[in-house]
Amino acid sequence: MERGIAKVMAKMGISTLQSYKGAQIFEAIGVSDEVIDKCFRGTASRVGGVTFTVIAAEAFERHALTYQERECKSRTESVGVWTPTHAVGSLSHPAQN
């Protein structure tokens, strides 16, 4: 693993791990100064972008879509009541074909 990391660092022009840690070789694109100062201190950004308000609104929207209330039939209404005889018969039929 160390050889792999060293190889990637060499390709990026980084000779020591210490210089990699403080290299600041990335730039934030589409993130506001407010978010950069709080979460990515010291990262360069020439373009503004989303704020915490936008990030929070999108997170709540995605949560609401994922966990929305849905009407659902009870299990017995949607699949019927199965007995062991029904289950064995249903499973053996496809196996015979």
C-alpha atoms as a PDB file:
ATOM      1  CA  MET A   1       0.000   0.000   0.000  1.00  0.00           C
ATOM      2  CA  GLU A   2       2.821   2.402   0.861  1.00  0.00           C
ATOM      3  CA  ARG A   3       4.411   1.854  -2.556  1.00  0.00           C
ATOM      4  CA  GLY A   4       1.093   2.695  -4.226  1.00  0.00           C
ATOM      5  CA  ILE A   5       0.701   5.918  -2.264  1.00  0.00           C
ATOM      6  CA  ALA A   6       4.316   6.874  -2.982  1.00  0.00           C
ATOM      7  CA  LYS A   7       3.778   6.224  -6.693  1.00  0.00           C
ATOM      8  CA  VAL A   8       0.683   8.458  -6.828  1.00  0.00           C
ATOM      9  CA  MET A   9       2.447  11.183  -4.848  1.00  0.00           C
ATOM     10  CA  ALA A  10       5.437  11.042  -7.224  1.00  0.00           C
ATOM     11  CA  LYS A  11       3.146  11.453 -10.234  1.00  0.00           C
ATOM     12  CA  MET A  12       1.651  14.527  -8.558  1.00  0.00           C
ATOM     13  CA  GLY A  13       5.124  15.965  -7.940  1.00  0.00           C
ATOM     14  CA  ILE A  14       5.048  15.419  -4.181  1.00  0.00           C
ATOM     15  CA  SER A  15       8.208  14.028  -2.638  1.00  0.00           C
ATOM     16  CA  THR A  16       7.276  13.698   1.051  1.00  0.00           C
ATOM     17  CA  LEU A  17       4.109  12.919   2.979  1.00  0.00           C
ATOM     18  CA  GLN A  18       4.481  16.181   4.917  1.00  0.00           C
ATOM     19  CA  SER A  19       4.374  18.220   1.716  1.00  0.00           C
ATOM     20  CA  TYR A  20       1.293  16.269   0.586  1.00  0.00           C
ATOM     21  CA  LYS A  21      -0.590  17.080   3.789  1.00  0.00           C
ATOM     22  CA  GLY A  22      -0.098  20.812   3.343  1.00  0.00           C
ATOM     23  CA  ALA A  23       0.024  20.928  -0.438  1.00  0.00           C
ATOM     24  CA  GLN A  24      -3.343  22.602  -1.076  1.00  0.00           C
ATOM     25  CA  ILE A  25      -3.446  20.973  -4.522  1.00  0.00           C
ATOM     26  CA  PHE A  26      -7.225  21.051  -4.770  1.00  0.00           C
ATOM     27  CA  GLU A  27      -9.664  23.856  -5.496  1.00  0.00           C
ATOM     28  CA  ALA A  28     -13.273  24.031  -4.328  1.00  0.00           C
ATOM     29  CA  ILE A  29     -15.703  24.721  -7.160  1.00  0.00           C
ATOM     30  CA  GLY A  30     -19.323  25.649  -6.542  1.00  0.00           C
ATOM     31  CA  VAL A  31     -19.006  26.106  -2.774  1.00  0.00           C
ATOM     32  CA  SER A  32     -19.461  29.436  -0.974  1.00  0.00           C
ATOM     33  CA  ASP A  33     -16.775  31.091   1.142  1.00  0.00           C
ATOM     34  CA  GLU A  34     -18.963  30.452   4.208  1.00  0.00           C
ATOM     35  CA  VAL A  35     -18.790  26.667   3.672  1.00  0.00           C
ATOM     36  CA  ILE A  36     -15.108  26.701   2.717  1.00  0.00           C
ATOM     37  CA  ASP A  37     -14.127  28.664   5.836  1.00  0.00           C
ATOM     38  CA  LYS A  38     -16.040  26.268   8.094  1.00  0.00           C
ATOM     39  CA  CYS A  39     -15.343  22.888   6.421  1.00  0.00           C
ATOM     40  CA  PHE A  40     -12.392  23.236   4.051  1.00  0.00           C
ATOM     41  CA  ARG A  41     -10.245  25.905   5.695  1.00  0.00           C
ATOM     42  CA  GLY A  42      -7.398  27.063   3.479  1.00  0.00           C
ATOM     43  CA  THR A  43      -8.812  25.589   0.259  1.00  0.00           C
ATOM     44  CA  ALA A  44      -8.677  27.866  -2.747  1.00  0.00           C
ATOM     45  CA  SER A  45     -11.874  28.850  -4.540  1.00  0.00           C
ATOM     46  CA  ARG A  46     -12.172  31.390  -7.323  1.00  0.00           C
ATOM     47  CA  VAL A  47     -15.860  30.655  -7.887  1.00  0.00           C
ATOM     48  CA  GLY A  48     -18.626  30.995  -5.289  1.00  0.00           C
ATOM     49  CA  GLY A  49     -21.451  28.534  -4.907  1.00  0.00           C
ATOM     50  CA  VAL A  50     -23.838  26.827  -2.545  1.00  0.00           C
ATOM     51  CA  THR A  51     -24.296  27.960   1.029  1.00  0.00           C
ATOM     52  CA  PHE A  52     -25.259  25.965   4.106  1.00  0.00           C
ATOM     53  CA  THR A  53     -28.862  27.056   3.514  1.00  0.00           C
ATOM     54  CA  VAL A  54     -28.891  25.478   0.045  1.00  0.00           C
ATOM     55  CA  ILE A  55     -27.128  22.326   1.259  1.00  0.00           C
ATOM     56  CA  ALA A  56     -29.630  21.935   4.121  1.00  0.00           C
ATOM     57  CA  ALA A  57     -32.637  22.526   1.861  1.00  0.00           C
ATOM     58  CA  GLU A  58     -31.435  19.878  -0.604  1.00  0.00           C
ATOM     59  CA  ALA A  59     -30.731  17.411   2.209  1.00  0.00           C
ATOM     60  CA  PHE A  60     -34.239  17.880   3.660  1.00  0.00           C
ATOM     61  CA  GLU A  61     -35.781  17.567   0.194  1.00  0.00           C
ATOM     62  CA  ARG A  62     -33.957  14.305  -0.509  1.00  0.00           C
ATOM     63  CA  HIS A  63     -34.898  12.978   2.921  1.00  0.00           C
ATOM     64  CA  ALA A  64     -38.567  13.827   2.342  1.00  0.00           C
ATOM     65  CA  LEU A  65     -38.544  12.084  -1.049  1.00  0.00           C
ATOM     66  CA  THR A  66     -36.893   9.002   0.379  1.00  0.00           C
ATOM     67  CA  TYR A  67     -38.993   8.662   3.532  1.00  0.00           C
ATOM     68  CA  GLN A  68     -42.321  10.028   2.311  1.00  0.00           C
ATOM     69  CA  GLU A  69     -45.504   8.609   3.752  1.00  0.00           C
ATOM     70  CA  ARG A  70     -46.990   6.037   1.416  1.00  0.00           C
ATOM     71  CA  GLU A  71     -50.262   4.242   1.501  1.00  0.00           C
ATOM     72  CA  CYS A  72     -49.647   0.544   1.705  1.00  0.00           C
ATOM     73  CA  LYS A  73     -51.875  -2.469   1.943  1.00  0.00           C
ATOM     74  CA  SER A  74     -51.238  -4.806   4.787  1.00  0.00           C
ATOM     75  CA  ARG A  75     -49.126  -7.819   3.926  1.00  0.00           C
ATOM     76  CA  THR A  76     -52.092 -10.207   3.919  1.00  0.00           C
ATOM     77  CA  GLU A  77     -54.095  -7.931   1.596  1.00  0.00           C
ATOM     78  CA  SER A  78     -51.314  -7.556  -0.947  1.00  0.00           C
ATOM     79  CA  VAL A  79     -50.122 -11.180  -1.178  1.00  0.00           C
ATOM     80  CA  GLY A  80     -52.936 -13.137   0.365  1.00  0.00           C
ATOM     81  CA  VAL A  81     -52.632 -15.625   3.176  1.00  0.00           C
ATOM     82  CA  TRP A  82     -50.165 -18.347   2.333  1.00  0.00           C
ATOM     83  CA  THR A  83     -50.097 -21.760   3.881  1.00  0.00           C
ATOM     84  CA  PRO A  84     -47.189 -24.212   3.600  1.00  0.00           C
ATOM     85  CA  THR A  85     -49.165 -26.125   0.956  1.00  0.00           C
ATOM     86  CA  HIS A  86     -49.491 -23.017  -1.227  1.00  0.00           C
ATOM     87  CA  ALA A  87     -45.805 -22.215  -0.828  1.00  0.00           C
ATOM     88  CA  VAL A  88     -44.610 -25.697  -1.789  1.00  0.00           C
ATOM     89  CA  GLY A  89     -46.980 -25.833  -4.766  1.00  0.00           C
ATOM     90  CA  SER A  90     -45.924 -22.408  -6.006  1.00  0.00           C
ATOM     91  CA  LEU A  91     -42.245 -23.209  -5.707  1.00  0.00           C
ATOM     92  CA  SER A  92     -42.388 -26.668  -7.252  1.00  0.00           C
ATOM     93  CA  HIS A  93     -44.345 -25.569 -10.361  1.00  0.00           C
ATOM     94  CA  PRO A  94     -41.515 -23.455 -11.911  1.00  0.00           C
ATOM     95  CA  ALA A  95     -38.987 -26.167 -11.031  1.00  0.00           C
ATOM     96  CA  GLN A  96     -40.928 -28.739 -13.097  1.00  0.00           C
ATOM     97  CA  ASN A  97     -40.947 -26.574 -16.242  1.00  0.00           C
END
